[in-house]
Amino acid sequence: MKVKDLPIPDALKAVIQKSGIEDLYPPQEDALFRTRVLKGGNLVLASPTASGKTLVAEICALKHVLEGFGKVLYLTPLRALASEKFRDFRKYEGLEKPGGGRVRVAISTGDYDSSDPWLGRFDIIVSTNEKVDSLLRHRAPWIENVSLIVSDELHYIVDGERGPTLEVVLARLMQINPRLQVLALSATIRNAQEIAEWLKADYITTDWRPVKLREGVYLDGVVSFNDGHVHRCEELYGNPAVNVAVEVVGNGGQALIFTETRRSSVEMASKLAPIMTKILSKREKDRLERIAHGILNSGERKRSQSMV
C-alpha cells in the first residue's frame, strides 16, 4: 500500500512523500487501514524498532489537527526522545489549518512548577510523562482541549519507577476528556491485549521488521545461530561484544550494543572509538562528528565528541 492511497489531506501526503516515503510497511498498513485509528478509534501498536510506528503517530496527529478535532499531546518517557520527536514533527509546521494559520508544534520537558499557559497556542505538544503529570497537577487550562494522546514507549507502564506516573497521566487525561483518542506505541510490550482492553482500543502486535533479525549466541569466538548456522569470529580485542561489532562493521553492517548502565555504555564506546577510527572512512567520521555536535544534552555532547 502507498502513501497516496491514505485517506488523509493531500498537503499532508505531500510532506510525507517529500521526505522520501512512498510505500507503507506492513505494520503501518495494518494500523492505518485495518483499525479505526484514522476515524478516532484508540489503538495499541506493538511492533519492533524501525518498523514505522512514528510515521503512524505523525499521520494520526496531523490528520487530527488538519481536520479541526483539537490538540495533540505526544508523551515520551525521556527528554532526549521528546527532543527527537519534536524535530520530527517540525517538518509539518508549514501545513495550513482549515480555520486559518499554520500547524504549530511545541516542546515542554522541564520546569515542574509551572502550568505553561503558553502551550495553549500550539496544536501539537511534545512532552515527557513526568512533565505532563506536573501540568495536570497545576491544572493547565489548555489540557481540556487535548483530544488525541500519543503515548510513546508504552512499555514503561510496567516499569517500577516510571510506570505509575504514566498510568496516572493516562487515566487522568481520559477522565478529563472521556472522548479522548489514545494511540499507544511500543516495541517490546508483552501485555498489549490487556492494555488495549483498559484503553478500549484495537491492538496490533507484530514481529515484522525491515531488516531480518537472526538470533545467535557467542561463545569462545563462535556464534551459533538459532537456524543452525555457525560463524567463527576473530577474537582480536578481548571483549566478545567488541569482537562481534567490529567484524559486523568491517563487513559493511551496523552494530548496536546494549549494556547494563549508562556508565558501562560510555566505557564500551571508549573501547570501540580508537578501533573504529581505523575502520571508518573520512566521510563516515565527518558524519559522526556532525551527529555528535547535534546532540542536545550538554553532558552527552561532551562524551560523544570525545569519542569521534
C-alpha atoms as a PDB file:
ATOM      1  CA  MET A   1       0.000   0.000   0.000  1.00  0.00           C
ATOM      2  CA  LYS A   2       1.220   3.508  -0.802  1.00  0.00           C
ATOM      3  CA  VAL A   3       1.081   6.877   0.948  1.00  0.00           C
ATOM      4  CA  LYS A   4      -1.015   8.268  -1.914  1.00  0.00           C
ATOM      5  CA  ASP A   5      -3.787   5.797  -1.000  1.00  0.00           C
ATOM      6  CA  LEU A   6      -4.166   7.100   2.568  1.00  0.00           C
ATOM      7  CA  PRO A   7      -7.441   8.886   3.464  1.00  0.00           C
ATOM      8  CA  ILE A   8      -5.614  11.996   4.669  1.00  0.00           C
ATOM      9  CA  PRO A   9      -5.301  15.584   3.376  1.00  0.00           C
ATOM     10  CA  ASP A  10      -3.269  15.900   0.170  1.00  0.00           C
ATOM     11  CA  ALA A  11      -0.978  18.509   1.727  1.00  0.00           C
ATOM     12  CA  LEU A  12      -0.031  16.008   4.436  1.00  0.00           C
ATOM     13  CA  LYS A  13       0.655  13.326   1.834  1.00  0.00           C
ATOM     14  CA  ALA A  14       2.937  15.765   0.009  1.00  0.00           C
ATOM     15  CA  VAL A  15       5.089  16.415   3.091  1.00  0.00           C
ATOM     16  CA  ILE A  16       5.439  12.684   3.759  1.00  0.00           C
ATOM     17  CA  GLN A  17       6.339  11.961   0.140  1.00  0.00           C
ATOM     18  CA  LYS A  18       8.801  14.857   0.082  1.00  0.00           C
ATOM     19  CA  SER A  19      10.657  13.149   2.937  1.00  0.00           C
ATOM     20  CA  GLY A  20      11.167  10.149   0.637  1.00  0.00           C
ATOM     21  CA  ILE A  21       8.379   7.851   1.833  1.00  0.00           C
ATOM     22  CA  GLU A  22       6.126   6.385  -0.853  1.00  0.00           C
ATOM     23  CA  ASP A  23       5.341   2.875   0.379  1.00  0.00           C
ATOM     24  CA  LEU A  24       3.970   1.781   3.751  1.00  0.00           C
ATOM     25  CA  TYR A  25       5.482  -1.000   5.837  1.00  0.00           C
ATOM     26  CA  PRO A  26       3.109  -3.880   6.727  1.00  0.00           C
ATOM     27  CA  PRO A  27       2.606  -2.696  10.365  1.00  0.00           C
ATOM     28  CA  GLN A  28       1.792   0.803   9.098  1.00  0.00           C
ATOM     29  CA  GLU A  29      -0.680  -0.579   6.579  1.00  0.00           C
ATOM     30  CA  ASP A  30      -2.347  -2.723   9.244  1.00  0.00           C
ATOM     31  CA  ALA A  31      -2.628   0.201  11.665  1.00  0.00           C
ATOM     32  CA  LEU A  32      -3.902   2.768   9.175  1.00  0.00           C
ATOM     33  CA  PHE A  33      -6.203   0.615   7.043  1.00  0.00           C
ATOM     34  CA  ARG A  34      -7.336  -2.229   9.293  1.00  0.00           C
ATOM     35  CA  THR A  35      -8.154  -0.396  12.530  1.00  0.00           C
ATOM     36  CA  ARG A  36     -10.331   2.597  13.444  1.00  0.00           C
ATOM     37  CA  VAL A  37      -7.392   4.845  14.335  1.00  0.00           C
ATOM     38  CA  LEU A  38      -7.913   7.261  11.403  1.00  0.00           C
ATOM     39  CA  LYS A  39     -11.575   7.528  12.401  1.00  0.00           C
ATOM     40  CA  GLY A  40     -10.900   8.469  16.010  1.00  0.00           C
ATOM     41  CA  GLY A  41     -10.518   4.980  17.498  1.00  0.00           C
ATOM     42  CA  ASN A  42      -7.940   4.016  20.106  1.00  0.00           C
ATOM     43  CA  LEU A  43      -5.023   1.788  19.123  1.00  0.00           C
ATOM     44  CA  VAL A  44      -2.163  -0.071  20.793  1.00  0.00           C
ATOM     45  CA  LEU A  45       0.577  -0.684  18.216  1.00  0.00           C
ATOM     46  CA  ALA A  46       3.336  -3.058  19.322  1.00  0.00           C
ATOM     47  CA  SER A  47       5.981  -3.598  16.659  1.00  0.00           C
ATOM     48  CA  PRO A  48       9.801  -3.730  16.578  1.00  0.00           C
ATOM     49  CA  THR A  49      12.091  -0.724  16.419  1.00  0.00           C
ATOM     50  CA  ALA A  50      12.340   0.788  12.902  1.00  0.00           C
ATOM     51  CA  SER A  51       9.049  -0.765  11.773  1.00  0.00           C
ATOM     52  CA  GLY A  52       7.431   2.646  11.255  1.00  0.00           C
ATOM     53  CA  LYS A  53       5.460   3.428  14.421  1.00  0.00           C
ATOM     54  CA  THR A  54       6.474   7.092  14.413  1.00  0.00           C
ATOM     55  CA  LEU A  55       5.007   7.674  10.950  1.00  0.00           C
ATOM     56  CA  VAL A  56       1.700   6.188  12.111  1.00  0.00           C
ATOM     57  CA  ALA A  57       1.708   8.661  15.007  1.00  0.00           C
ATOM     58  CA  GLU A  58       2.597  11.581  12.744  1.00  0.00           C
ATOM     59  CA  ILE A  59      -0.178  10.745  10.276  1.00  0.00           C
ATOM     60  CA  CYS A  60      -2.784  10.397  13.029  1.00  0.00           C
ATOM     61  CA  ALA A  61      -1.657  13.583  14.766  1.00  0.00           C
ATOM     62  CA  LEU A  62      -1.582  15.757  11.656  1.00  0.00           C
ATOM     63  CA  LYS A  63      -4.879  14.411  10.313  1.00  0.00           C
ATOM     64  CA  HIS A  64      -6.394  15.182  13.716  1.00  0.00           C
ATOM     65  CA  VAL A  65      -5.157  18.783  13.666  1.00  0.00           C
ATOM     66  CA  LEU A  66      -5.800  19.474   9.977  1.00  0.00           C
ATOM     67  CA  GLU A  67      -9.390  18.258  10.256  1.00  0.00           C
ATOM     68  CA  GLY A  68     -10.023  20.503  13.265  1.00  0.00           C
ATOM     69  CA  PHE A  69     -10.513  17.914  16.006  1.00  0.00           C
ATOM     70  CA  GLY A  70      -8.302  19.548  18.641  1.00  0.00           C
ATOM     71  CA  LYS A  71      -4.855  19.496  20.189  1.00  0.00           C
ATOM     72  CA  VAL A  72      -2.425  16.572  20.186  1.00  0.00           C
ATOM     73  CA  LEU A  73      -0.235  15.680  23.171  1.00  0.00           C
ATOM     74  CA  TYR A  74       2.738  13.418  22.420  1.00  0.00           C
ATOM     75  CA  LEU A  75       4.103  11.686  25.541  1.00  0.00           C
ATOM     76  CA  THR A  76       7.579  10.201  25.877  1.00  0.00           C
ATOM     77  CA  PRO A  77       9.448   8.783  28.887  1.00  0.00           C
ATOM     78  CA  LEU A  78      12.706  10.634  28.161  1.00  0.00           C
ATOM     79  CA  ARG A  79      13.725  14.213  27.387  1.00  0.00           C
ATOM     80  CA  ALA A  80      16.083  13.095  24.618  1.00  0.00           C
ATOM     81  CA  LEU A  81      13.255  11.209  22.925  1.00  0.00           C
ATOM     82  CA  ALA A  82      10.970  14.230  23.291  1.00  0.00           C
ATOM     83  CA  SER A  83      13.570  16.386  21.528  1.00  0.00           C
ATOM     84  CA  GLU A  84      13.833  13.838  18.722  1.00  0.00           C
ATOM     85  CA  LYS A  85      10.064  13.682  18.203  1.00  0.00           C
ATOM     86  CA  PHE A  86       9.796  17.473  18.331  1.00  0.00           C
ATOM     87  CA  ARG A  87      12.270  17.684  15.444  1.00  0.00           C
ATOM     88  CA  ASP A  88      10.292  15.032  13.542  1.00  0.00           C
ATOM     89  CA  PHE A  89       7.054  16.999  13.842  1.00  0.00           C
ATOM     90  CA  ARG A  90       8.525  20.361  12.863  1.00  0.00           C
ATOM     91  CA  LYS A  91       8.573  19.406   9.185  1.00  0.00           C
ATOM     92  CA  TYR A  92       4.779  19.735   9.232  1.00  0.00           C
ATOM     93  CA  GLU A  93       4.720  23.321  10.523  1.00  0.00           C
ATOM     94  CA  GLY A  94       4.086  24.750   7.053  1.00  0.00           C
ATOM     95  CA  LEU A  95       0.732  22.991   6.695  1.00  0.00           C
ATOM     96  CA  GLU A  96      -2.333  25.236   6.774  1.00  0.00           C
ATOM     97  CA  LYS A  97      -5.199  24.541   9.169  1.00  0.00           C
ATOM     98  CA  PRO A  98      -8.812  24.758   7.952  1.00  0.00           C
ATOM     99  CA  GLY A  99      -9.630  27.700  10.218  1.00  0.00           C
ATOM    100  CA  GLY A 100      -6.565  29.670   9.156  1.00  0.00           C
ATOM    101  CA  GLY A 101      -2.995  29.747  10.360  1.00  0.00           C
ATOM    102  CA  ARG A 102      -0.381  27.046  10.167  1.00  0.00           C
ATOM    103  CA  VAL A 103       0.303  23.987  12.290  1.00  0.00           C
ATOM    104  CA  ARG A 104       2.342  24.898  15.374  1.00  0.00           C
ATOM    105  CA  VAL A 105       4.489  22.439  17.323  1.00  0.00           C
ATOM    106  CA  ALA A 106       5.939  22.933  20.819  1.00  0.00           C
ATOM    107  CA  ILE A 107       8.033  21.000  23.314  1.00  0.00           C
ATOM    108  CA  SER A 108       7.971  21.207  27.108  1.00  0.00           C
ATOM    109  CA  THR A 109      10.072  18.924  29.301  1.00  0.00           C
ATOM    110  CA  GLY A 110      11.263  20.978  32.271  1.00  0.00           C
ATOM    111  CA  ASP A 111      10.090  23.399  34.969  1.00  0.00           C
ATOM    112  CA  TYR A 112       7.729  21.238  37.005  1.00  0.00           C
ATOM    113  CA  ASP A 113       6.485  24.317  38.894  1.00  0.00           C
ATOM    114  CA  SER A 114       4.572  25.902  36.013  1.00  0.00           C
ATOM    115  CA  SER A 115       1.335  25.232  34.130  1.00  0.00           C
ATOM    116  CA  ASP A 116       2.983  26.554  30.935  1.00  0.00           C
ATOM    117  CA  PRO A 117      -0.064  28.531  29.715  1.00  0.00           C
ATOM    118  CA  TRP A 118       1.865  29.485  26.558  1.00  0.00           C
ATOM    119  CA  LEU A 119       1.425  25.902  25.308  1.00  0.00           C
ATOM    120  CA  GLY A 120      -2.235  26.677  24.693  1.00  0.00           C
ATOM    121  CA  ARG A 121      -1.209  28.450  21.477  1.00  0.00           C
ATOM    122  CA  PHE A 122       0.145  25.243  19.916  1.00  0.00           C
ATOM    123  CA  ASP A 123      -1.510  22.363  18.073  1.00  0.00           C
ATOM    124  CA  ILE A 124       0.960  19.547  18.775  1.00  0.00           C
ATOM    125  CA  ILE A 125       2.766  19.465  22.117  1.00  0.00           C
ATOM    126  CA  VAL A 126       5.613  17.039  22.789  1.00  0.00           C
ATOM    127  CA  SER A 127       6.410  16.375  26.430  1.00  0.00           C
ATOM    128  CA  THR A 128       7.595  13.807  28.950  1.00  0.00           C
ATOM    129  CA  ASN A 129       5.285  11.763  31.150  1.00  0.00           C
ATOM    130  CA  GLU A 130       6.629  13.486  34.265  1.00  0.00           C
ATOM    131  CA  LYS A 131       6.123  16.967  32.822  1.00  0.00           C
ATOM    132  CA  VAL A 132       2.519  16.198  31.864  1.00  0.00           C
ATOM    133  CA  ASP A 133       1.940  14.824  35.358  1.00  0.00           C
ATOM    134  CA  SER A 134       3.115  18.210  36.646  1.00  0.00           C
ATOM    135  CA  LEU A 135       0.882  20.072  34.178  1.00  0.00           C
ATOM    136  CA  LEU A 136      -2.110  18.072  35.369  1.00  0.00           C
ATOM    137  CA  ARG A 137      -1.341  18.859  38.999  1.00  0.00           C
ATOM    138  CA  HIS A 138      -1.041  22.565  38.119  1.00  0.00           C
ATOM    139  CA  ARG A 139      -4.380  22.364  36.263  1.00  0.00           C
ATOM    140  CA  ALA A 140      -3.061  23.680  32.936  1.00  0.00           C
ATOM    141  CA  PRO A 141      -6.256  25.045  31.305  1.00  0.00           C
ATOM    142  CA  TRP A 142      -5.320  24.035  27.750  1.00  0.00           C
ATOM    143  CA  ILE A 143      -5.221  20.334  28.745  1.00  0.00           C
ATOM    144  CA  GLU A 144      -9.011  20.265  28.353  1.00  0.00           C
ATOM    145  CA  ASN A 145      -8.548  20.968  24.633  1.00  0.00           C
ATOM    146  CA  VAL A 146      -6.335  17.924  24.072  1.00  0.00           C
ATOM    147  CA  SER A 147      -8.300  15.332  22.114  1.00  0.00           C
ATOM    148  CA  LEU A 148      -5.532  12.959  20.957  1.00  0.00           C
ATOM    149  CA  ILE A 149      -2.815  11.433  23.108  1.00  0.00           C
ATOM    150  CA  VAL A 150       0.153   9.571  21.650  1.00  0.00           C
ATOM    151  CA  SER A 151       1.943   7.549  24.330  1.00  0.00           C
ATOM    152  CA  ASP A 152       5.352   6.501  23.015  1.00  0.00           C
ATOM    153  CA  GLU A 153       7.368   3.689  24.626  1.00  0.00           C
ATOM    154  CA  LEU A 154       4.243   2.425  26.405  1.00  0.00           C
ATOM    155  CA  HIS A 155       6.171  -0.494  27.909  1.00  0.00           C
ATOM    156  CA  TYR A 156       7.381   1.951  30.569  1.00  0.00           C
ATOM    157  CA  ILE A 157       3.957   1.497  32.141  1.00  0.00           C
ATOM    158  CA  VAL A 158       5.251  -1.700  33.784  1.00  0.00           C
ATOM    159  CA  ASP A 159       8.445  -0.004  34.997  1.00  0.00           C
ATOM    160  CA  GLY A 160       8.664   0.078  38.786  1.00  0.00           C
ATOM    161  CA  GLU A 161       9.782   3.717  38.904  1.00  0.00           C
ATOM    162  CA  ARG A 162       8.135   5.415  35.943  1.00  0.00           C
ATOM    163  CA  GLY A 163       5.170   3.160  35.307  1.00  0.00           C
ATOM    164  CA  PRO A 164       2.821   4.576  37.960  1.00  0.00           C
ATOM    165  CA  THR A 165       3.310   8.124  36.658  1.00  0.00           C
ATOM    166  CA  LEU A 166       2.410   7.115  33.098  1.00  0.00           C
ATOM    167  CA  GLU A 167      -0.614   5.131  34.255  1.00  0.00           C
ATOM    168  CA  VAL A 168      -1.899   8.047  36.337  1.00  0.00           C
ATOM    169  CA  VAL A 169      -1.317  10.510  33.485  1.00  0.00           C
ATOM    170  CA  LEU A 170      -3.280   8.398  31.003  1.00  0.00           C
ATOM    171  CA  ALA A 171      -6.089   7.719  33.478  1.00  0.00           C
ATOM    172  CA  ARG A 172      -6.374  11.403  34.419  1.00  0.00           C
ATOM    173  CA  LEU A 173      -6.400  12.565  30.794  1.00  0.00           C
ATOM    174  CA  MET A 174      -9.120  10.048  29.925  1.00  0.00           C
ATOM    175  CA  GLN A 175     -11.102  11.265  32.933  1.00  0.00           C
ATOM    176  CA  ILE A 176     -10.822  14.908  31.837  1.00  0.00           C
ATOM    177  CA  ASN A 177     -11.942  14.053  28.306  1.00  0.00           C
ATOM    178  CA  PRO A 178     -13.939  10.792  28.114  1.00  0.00           C
ATOM    179  CA  ARG A 179     -13.904  11.043  24.306  1.00  0.00           C
ATOM    180  CA  LEU A 180     -10.111  11.309  24.195  1.00  0.00           C
ATOM    181  CA  GLN A 181      -8.412   9.301  21.449  1.00  0.00           C
ATOM    182  CA  VAL A 182      -5.342   7.327  22.567  1.00  0.00           C
ATOM    183  CA  LEU A 183      -2.597   5.935  20.344  1.00  0.00           C
ATOM    184  CA  ALA A 184      -0.100   3.834  22.324  1.00  0.00           C
ATOM    185  CA  LEU A 185       3.206   2.729  20.796  1.00  0.00           C
ATOM    186  CA  SER A 186       5.733   0.168  21.983  1.00  0.00           C
ATOM    187  CA  ALA A 187       8.453  -2.086  20.627  1.00  0.00           C
ATOM    188  CA  THR A 188       8.558  -4.556  23.491  1.00  0.00           C
ATOM    189  CA  ILE A 189       5.292  -4.629  25.435  1.00  0.00           C
ATOM    190  CA  ARG A 190       4.053  -8.156  26.163  1.00  0.00           C
ATOM    191  CA  ASN A 191       0.577  -7.491  27.541  1.00  0.00           C
ATOM    192  CA  ALA A 192      -0.734  -5.488  24.588  1.00  0.00           C
ATOM    193  CA  GLN A 193      -4.156  -7.133  24.722  1.00  0.00           C
ATOM    194  CA  GLU A 194      -4.609  -6.361  28.416  1.00  0.00           C
ATOM    195  CA  ILE A 195      -3.634  -2.712  27.939  1.00  0.00           C
ATOM    196  CA  ALA A 196      -5.856  -2.469  24.862  1.00  0.00           C
ATOM    197  CA  GLU A 197      -8.796  -3.630  26.962  1.00  0.00           C
ATOM    198  CA  TRP A 198      -8.020  -0.943  29.552  1.00  0.00           C
ATOM    199  CA  LEU A 199      -7.831   1.731  26.834  1.00  0.00           C
ATOM    200  CA  LYS A 200     -10.834   0.296  24.948  1.00  0.00           C
ATOM    201  CA  ALA A 201      -8.551   0.083  21.946  1.00  0.00           C
ATOM    202  CA  ASP A 202      -7.824  -2.043  18.910  1.00  0.00           C
ATOM    203  CA  TYR A 203      -4.396  -3.613  19.095  1.00  0.00           C
ATOM    204  CA  ILE A 204      -1.772  -4.812  16.653  1.00  0.00           C
ATOM    205  CA  THR A 205       1.207  -6.923  17.636  1.00  0.00           C
ATOM    206  CA  THR A 206       3.759  -7.969  15.049  1.00  0.00           C
ATOM    207  CA  ASP A 207       7.394  -9.015  14.870  1.00  0.00           C
ATOM    208  CA  TRP A 208       7.832  -7.664  11.323  1.00  0.00           C
ATOM    209  CA  ARG A 209      10.963  -5.598  10.820  1.00  0.00           C
ATOM    210  CA  PRO A 210      12.565  -4.052   7.720  1.00  0.00           C
ATOM    211  CA  VAL A 211      15.791  -5.955   8.342  1.00  0.00           C
ATOM    212  CA  LYS A 212      15.520  -9.614   9.259  1.00  0.00           C
ATOM    213  CA  LEU A 213      16.784 -10.380  12.753  1.00  0.00           C
ATOM    214  CA  ARG A 214      18.744 -13.556  13.424  1.00  0.00           C
ATOM    215  CA  GLU A 215      19.391 -14.742  16.962  1.00  0.00           C
ATOM    216  CA  GLY A 216      22.657 -16.302  17.994  1.00  0.00           C
ATOM    217  CA  VAL A 217      24.873 -16.982  20.994  1.00  0.00           C
ATOM    218  CA  TYR A 218      28.561 -16.028  21.089  1.00  0.00           C
ATOM    219  CA  LEU A 219      30.913 -18.373  22.949  1.00  0.00           C
ATOM    220  CA  ASP A 220      34.686 -18.689  22.595  1.00  0.00           C
ATOM    221  CA  GLY A 221      34.808 -16.965  19.228  1.00  0.00           C
ATOM    222  CA  VAL A 222      31.895 -18.872  17.715  1.00  0.00           C
ATOM    223  CA  VAL A 223      28.396 -17.509  17.055  1.00  0.00           C
ATOM    224  CA  SER A 224      25.773 -20.277  16.976  1.00  0.00           C
ATOM    225  CA  PHE A 225      22.550 -19.078  15.324  1.00  0.00           C
ATOM    226  CA  ASN A 226      19.108 -20.474  16.069  1.00  0.00           C
ATOM    227  CA  ASP A 227      18.753 -21.614  12.452  1.00  0.00           C
ATOM    228  CA  GLY A 228      21.720 -23.967  12.879  1.00  0.00           C
ATOM    229  CA  HIS A 229      24.244 -21.750  11.115  1.00  0.00           C
ATOM    230  CA  VAL A 230      27.614 -21.319  12.845  1.00  0.00           C
ATOM    231  CA  HIS A 231      30.000 -18.400  12.305  1.00  0.00           C
ATOM    232  CA  ARG A 232      33.546 -18.087  13.623  1.00  0.00           C
ATOM    233  CA  CYS A 233      34.542 -14.602  14.764  1.00  0.00           C
ATOM    234  CA  GLU A 234      38.132 -13.444  15.214  1.00  0.00           C
ATOM    235  CA  GLU A 235      38.964 -12.797  18.874  1.00  0.00           C
ATOM    236  CA  LEU A 236      41.138  -9.730  18.475  1.00  0.00           C
ATOM    237  CA  TYR A 237      40.061  -7.384  21.242  1.00  0.00           C
ATOM    238  CA  GLY A 238      39.434  -9.394  24.399  1.00  0.00           C
ATOM    239  CA  ASN A 239      35.751  -8.471  24.556  1.00  0.00           C
ATOM    240  CA  PRO A 240      33.033 -10.554  22.857  1.00  0.00           C
ATOM    241  CA  ALA A 241      30.788  -7.557  22.099  1.00  0.00           C
ATOM    242  CA  VAL A 242      33.675  -5.602  20.593  1.00  0.00           C
ATOM    243  CA  ASN A 243      34.819  -8.603  18.546  1.00  0.00           C
ATOM    244  CA  VAL A 244      31.375  -9.087  17.009  1.00  0.00           C
ATOM    245  CA  ALA A 245      30.677  -5.367  16.470  1.00  0.00           C
ATOM    246  CA  VAL A 246      33.982  -4.682  14.732  1.00  0.00           C
ATOM    247  CA  GLU A 247      33.562  -7.663  12.414  1.00  0.00           C
ATOM    248  CA  VAL A 248      29.997  -6.653  11.520  1.00  0.00           C
ATOM    249  CA  VAL A 249      31.008  -3.057  10.738  1.00  0.00           C
ATOM    250  CA  GLY A 250      34.056  -4.248   8.807  1.00  0.00           C
ATOM    251  CA  ASN A 251      31.717  -6.272   6.598  1.00  0.00           C
ATOM    252  CA  GLY A 252      29.590  -3.212   5.834  1.00  0.00           C
ATOM    253  CA  GLY A 253      26.939  -3.694   8.515  1.00  0.00           C
ATOM    254  CA  GLN A 254      25.824  -1.854  11.642  1.00  0.00           C
ATOM    255  CA  ALA A 255      26.143  -2.873  15.274  1.00  0.00           C
ATOM    256  CA  LEU A 256      24.072  -1.872  18.298  1.00  0.00           C
ATOM    257  CA  ILE A 257      25.475  -2.857  21.699  1.00  0.00           C
ATOM    258  CA  PHE A 258      23.348  -2.835  24.856  1.00  0.00           C
ATOM    259  CA  THR A 259      24.990  -2.526  28.270  1.00  0.00           C
ATOM    260  CA  GLU A 260      23.610  -2.582  31.805  1.00  0.00           C
ATOM    261  CA  THR A 261      24.218   1.058  32.741  1.00  0.00           C
ATOM    262  CA  ARG A 262      24.979   4.458  31.250  1.00  0.00           C
ATOM    263  CA  ARG A 263      28.477   4.314  32.704  1.00  0.00           C
ATOM    264  CA  SER A 264      29.210   0.937  31.128  1.00  0.00           C
ATOM    265  CA  SER A 265      27.907   2.201  27.767  1.00  0.00           C
ATOM    266  CA  VAL A 266      30.395   5.080  27.941  1.00  0.00           C
ATOM    267  CA  GLU A 267      33.177   2.626  28.793  1.00  0.00           C
ATOM    268  CA  MET A 268      32.197   0.402  25.862  1.00  0.00           C
ATOM    269  CA  ALA A 269      32.141   3.366  23.481  1.00  0.00           C
ATOM    270  CA  SER A 270      35.579   4.406  24.736  1.00  0.00           C
ATOM    271  CA  LYS A 271      36.947   0.955  23.904  1.00  0.00           C
ATOM    272  CA  LEU A 272      35.413   0.991  20.439  1.00  0.00           C
ATOM    273  CA  ALA A 273      36.328   4.557  19.432  1.00  0.00           C
ATOM    274  CA  PRO A 274      40.054   4.025  18.664  1.00  0.00           C
ATOM    275  CA  ILE A 275      39.276   0.767  16.860  1.00  0.00           C
ATOM    276  CA  MET A 276      36.546   2.298  14.716  1.00  0.00           C
ATOM    277  CA  THR A 277      38.812   5.211  13.785  1.00  0.00           C
ATOM    278  CA  LYS A 278      40.938   2.735  11.830  1.00  0.00           C
ATOM    279  CA  ILE A 279      37.922   1.228  10.054  1.00  0.00           C
ATOM    280  CA  LEU A 280      35.708   4.187   9.144  1.00  0.00           C
ATOM    281  CA  SER A 281      36.236   6.397   6.110  1.00  0.00           C
ATOM    282  CA  LYS A 282      36.798  10.146   6.457  1.00  0.00           C
ATOM    283  CA  ARG A 283      33.271  10.762   5.179  1.00  0.00           C
ATOM    284  CA  GLU A 284      31.816   8.479   7.858  1.00  0.00           C
ATOM    285  CA  LYS A 285      33.908  10.153  10.566  1.00  0.00           C
ATOM    286  CA  ASP A 286      32.743  13.608   9.453  1.00  0.00           C
ATOM    287  CA  ARG A 287      29.117  12.483   9.569  1.00  0.00           C
ATOM    288  CA  LEU A 288      29.549  11.044  13.064  1.00  0.00           C
ATOM    289  CA  GLU A 289      31.104  14.289  14.233  1.00  0.00           C
ATOM    290  CA  ARG A 290      28.110  16.252  12.924  1.00  0.00           C
ATOM    291  CA  ILE A 291      25.760  13.892  14.746  1.00  0.00           C
ATOM    292  CA  ALA A 292      27.752  14.257  17.966  1.00  0.00           C
ATOM    293  CA  HIS A 293      27.562  18.058  17.737  1.00  0.00           C
ATOM    294  CA  GLY A 294      23.816  17.823  17.230  1.00  0.00           C
ATOM    295  CA  ILE A 295      23.086  16.007  20.479  1.00  0.00           C
ATOM    296  CA  LEU A 296      21.137  18.384  22.694  1.00  0.00           C
ATOM    297  CA  ASN A 297      22.163  17.254  26.154  1.00  0.00           C
ATOM    298  CA  SER A 298      25.414  19.020  27.028  1.00  0.00           C
ATOM    299  CA  GLY A 299      26.756  16.161  29.147  1.00  0.00           C
ATOM    300  CA  GLU A 300      26.108  13.658  26.405  1.00  0.00           C
ATOM    301  CA  ARG A 301      27.593  16.029  23.839  1.00  0.00           C
ATOM    302  CA  LYS A 302      30.878  16.181  25.717  1.00  0.00           C
ATOM    303  CA  ARG A 303      31.160  12.402  25.857  1.00  0.00           C
ATOM    304  CA  SER A 304      30.134  11.959  22.218  1.00  0.00           C
ATOM    305  CA  GLN A 305      32.628  14.477  20.904  1.00  0.00           C
ATOM    306  CA  SER A 306      35.472  12.862  22.804  1.00  0.00           C
ATOM    307  CA  MET A 307      34.803   9.574  21.041  1.00  0.00           C
ATOM    308  CA  VAL A 308      34.669  10.838  17.456  1.00  0.00           C
END
